[in-house]
Protein backbone atom coordinates (compact mmCIF):
# COMPACT_ATOMS: atom_id res chain seq x y z
CA MET A 1 -3.28 -2.58 -20.10
CA THR A 2 -0.62 -2.44 -17.39
CA MET A 3 -0.82 -4.44 -14.19
CA ALA A 4 -1.32 -1.22 -12.23
CA LEU A 5 -4.31 -0.25 -14.38
CA ARG A 6 -5.76 -3.75 -14.06
CA ALA A 7 -5.28 -3.70 -10.29
CA MET A 8 -6.79 -0.21 -10.05
CA ALA A 9 -9.85 -1.30 -12.07
CA GLN A 10 -10.32 -4.43 -10.00
CA LEU A 11 -9.90 -2.64 -6.66
CA ALA A 12 -12.18 0.24 -7.71
CA SER A 13 -14.97 -2.34 -8.07
CA TRP A 14 -14.65 -3.33 -4.40
CA PRO A 15 -17.58 -1.90 -2.41
CA ASP A 16 -15.43 -0.31 0.32
CA LEU A 17 -13.13 1.57 -2.07
CA SER A 18 -13.64 4.57 -4.31
CA GLU A 19 -11.27 6.66 -6.41
CA THR A 20 -10.08 9.89 -4.81
CA PRO A 21 -7.24 12.34 -5.44
CA PRO A 22 -4.10 11.17 -3.61
CA SER A 23 -2.99 13.40 -0.74
CA CYS A 24 0.57 13.30 -2.07
CA GLY A 25 -0.60 14.72 -5.40
CA THR A 26 0.98 11.96 -7.50
CA GLY A 27 -0.97 9.39 -9.51
CA ARG A 28 -4.36 7.99 -8.50
CA ALA A 29 -5.73 6.77 -5.17
CA LEU A 30 -8.41 4.55 -3.71
CA SER A 31 -9.91 5.34 -0.33
CA THR A 32 -12.49 4.18 2.14
CA VAL A 33 -14.86 6.69 3.71
CA GLN A 34 -12.23 7.29 6.43
CA ASN A 35 -8.77 6.55 5.03
CA GLU A 36 -6.64 6.55 1.91
CA ILE A 37 -5.70 2.94 1.24
CA VAL A 38 -3.83 2.72 -2.08
CA HIS A 39 -1.81 5.19 -4.19
CA PHE A 40 -0.94 4.16 -7.75
CA HIS A 41 2.10 6.34 -8.44
CA THR A 42 3.36 4.76 -11.66
CA ASP A 43 2.71 1.71 -13.81
CA GLN A 44 5.01 -0.25 -11.49
CA PHE A 45 4.88 1.29 -8.01
CA VAL A 46 1.92 1.26 -5.63
CA ASP A 47 1.88 2.52 -2.05
CA LEU A 48 -0.48 0.75 0.33
CA HIS A 49 -1.55 2.17 3.71
CA LEU A 50 -1.26 -1.09 5.60
CA THR A 51 -0.99 0.56 9.08
CA ALA A 52 1.99 0.44 11.42
CA ARG A 53 0.34 -2.24 13.55
CA ALA A 54 -0.27 -4.58 10.59
CA ILE A 55 3.28 -4.01 9.29
CA ARG A 56 4.71 -4.96 12.69
CA ARG A 57 2.49 -8.03 12.82
CA PHE A 58 3.48 -9.28 9.35
CA GLU A 59 6.95 -7.73 9.06
CA ASP A 60 8.83 -11.00 8.58
CA HIS A 61 6.51 -12.02 5.74
CA LEU A 62 6.63 -8.57 4.16
CA ARG A 63 10.43 -8.49 4.27
CA GLY A 64 10.47 -11.91 2.61
CA ALA A 65 8.37 -10.72 -0.33
CA THR A 66 10.62 -9.42 -3.10
CA ALA A 67 7.86 -7.17 -4.43
CA VAL A 68 7.50 -5.30 -1.11
CA ARG A 69 9.63 -2.41 0.10
CA LEU A 70 9.36 -1.02 3.61
CA VAL A 71 10.24 2.45 4.84
CA PRO A 72 11.18 2.48 8.53
CA GLY A 73 8.49 4.19 10.59
CA SER A 74 6.00 4.43 7.72
CA PRO A 75 2.52 2.86 7.92
CA TRP A 76 2.68 2.46 4.12
CA VAL A 77 4.39 -0.30 2.11
CA THR A 78 5.49 0.03 -1.50
CA ILE A 79 4.69 -2.78 -3.89
CA ARG A 80 6.44 -3.17 -7.22
CA LEU A 81 4.18 -4.68 -9.86
CA GLU A 82 6.23 -6.72 -12.32
CA VAL A 83 4.55 -10.12 -12.55
CA GLU A 84 1.06 -11.55 -11.94
CA THR A 85 1.95 -12.77 -8.46
CA ASP A 86 2.83 -9.18 -7.49
CA MET A 87 -0.72 -8.15 -8.38
CA ASP A 88 -2.11 -11.10 -6.41
CA LEU A 89 0.00 -9.98 -3.45
CA LEU A 90 -1.30 -6.41 -3.79
CA LEU A 91 -4.93 -7.58 -3.77
CA THR A 92 -4.29 -9.72 -0.69
CA LEU A 93 -2.54 -6.87 1.11
CA VAL A 94 -5.34 -4.41 0.24
CA SER A 95 -7.78 -6.82 1.84
CA LEU A 96 -5.53 -6.98 4.89
CA ALA A 97 -5.26 -3.17 4.96
CA LEU A 98 -9.03 -2.80 4.89
CA GLN A 99 -9.32 -5.21 7.81
CA ALA A 100 -6.56 -3.41 9.72
CA HIS A 101 -8.22 -0.02 9.26
CA GLN A 102 -11.55 -1.44 10.47
CA ALA A 103 -10.02 -3.21 13.48
CA TRP A 104 -7.82 -0.31 14.57
CA PRO A 105 -9.34 2.91 13.21
CA VAL A 106 -7.16 5.99 13.15
CA SER A 107 -8.60 8.96 15.03
CA ARG A 108 -9.86 11.75 12.80
CA ASP A 109 -7.69 14.11 14.89
CA THR A 110 -4.54 12.26 13.82
CA PRO A 111 -2.84 13.82 10.78
CA SER A 112 -2.83 11.49 7.79
CA ALA A 113 0.42 9.61 7.28
CA LYS A 114 2.33 10.49 4.14
CA CYS A 115 2.81 7.72 1.61
CA ASN A 116 6.25 6.41 0.65
CA ASP A 117 6.31 8.23 -2.70
CA GLN A 118 7.82 11.25 -0.97
CA GLN A 119 10.30 9.27 1.14
CA ASP A 120 13.87 8.47 0.10
CA MET A 121 14.44 5.59 2.50
CA ALA A 122 12.73 2.73 0.62
CA LEU A 123 14.74 -0.45 0.71
CA PRO A 124 15.92 -1.97 -2.58
CA ARG A 125 13.78 -4.64 -4.23
CA ASN A 126 16.17 -7.44 -3.31
CA ASN A 127 15.86 -6.70 0.42
CA SER A 128 16.60 -9.41 2.92
CA SER A 129 15.69 -9.83 6.55
CA GLY A 130 19.32 -10.23 7.59
CA SER A 131 21.30 -7.36 9.08
């Protein structure tokens, strides 16, 4: 069983998440009643709807994590699952995303933000916070 499948199974057991079709049409997704939270696109790449506010708040830490890729202006982060600690990071960030969506709910009138799967601007895995 791949890490992505293990993470999907574990997260699907969380009471606030349920499996839904991803809005991007690729892979599998987990959502709350109000928002898509996680898209499992491949066995290695997962997009997480962390929210723009949470990304700004934790940007330095996210940029320091080699498993995380950011797309400028996107409220989603991409996580590459290669080792156990990447899965641990994903689970922690999903928890953070759930808290962020509860603390700062997105209006139902706001169009849903597209995940990073359809964006070409993802930074390489070995990103650094230097310019």
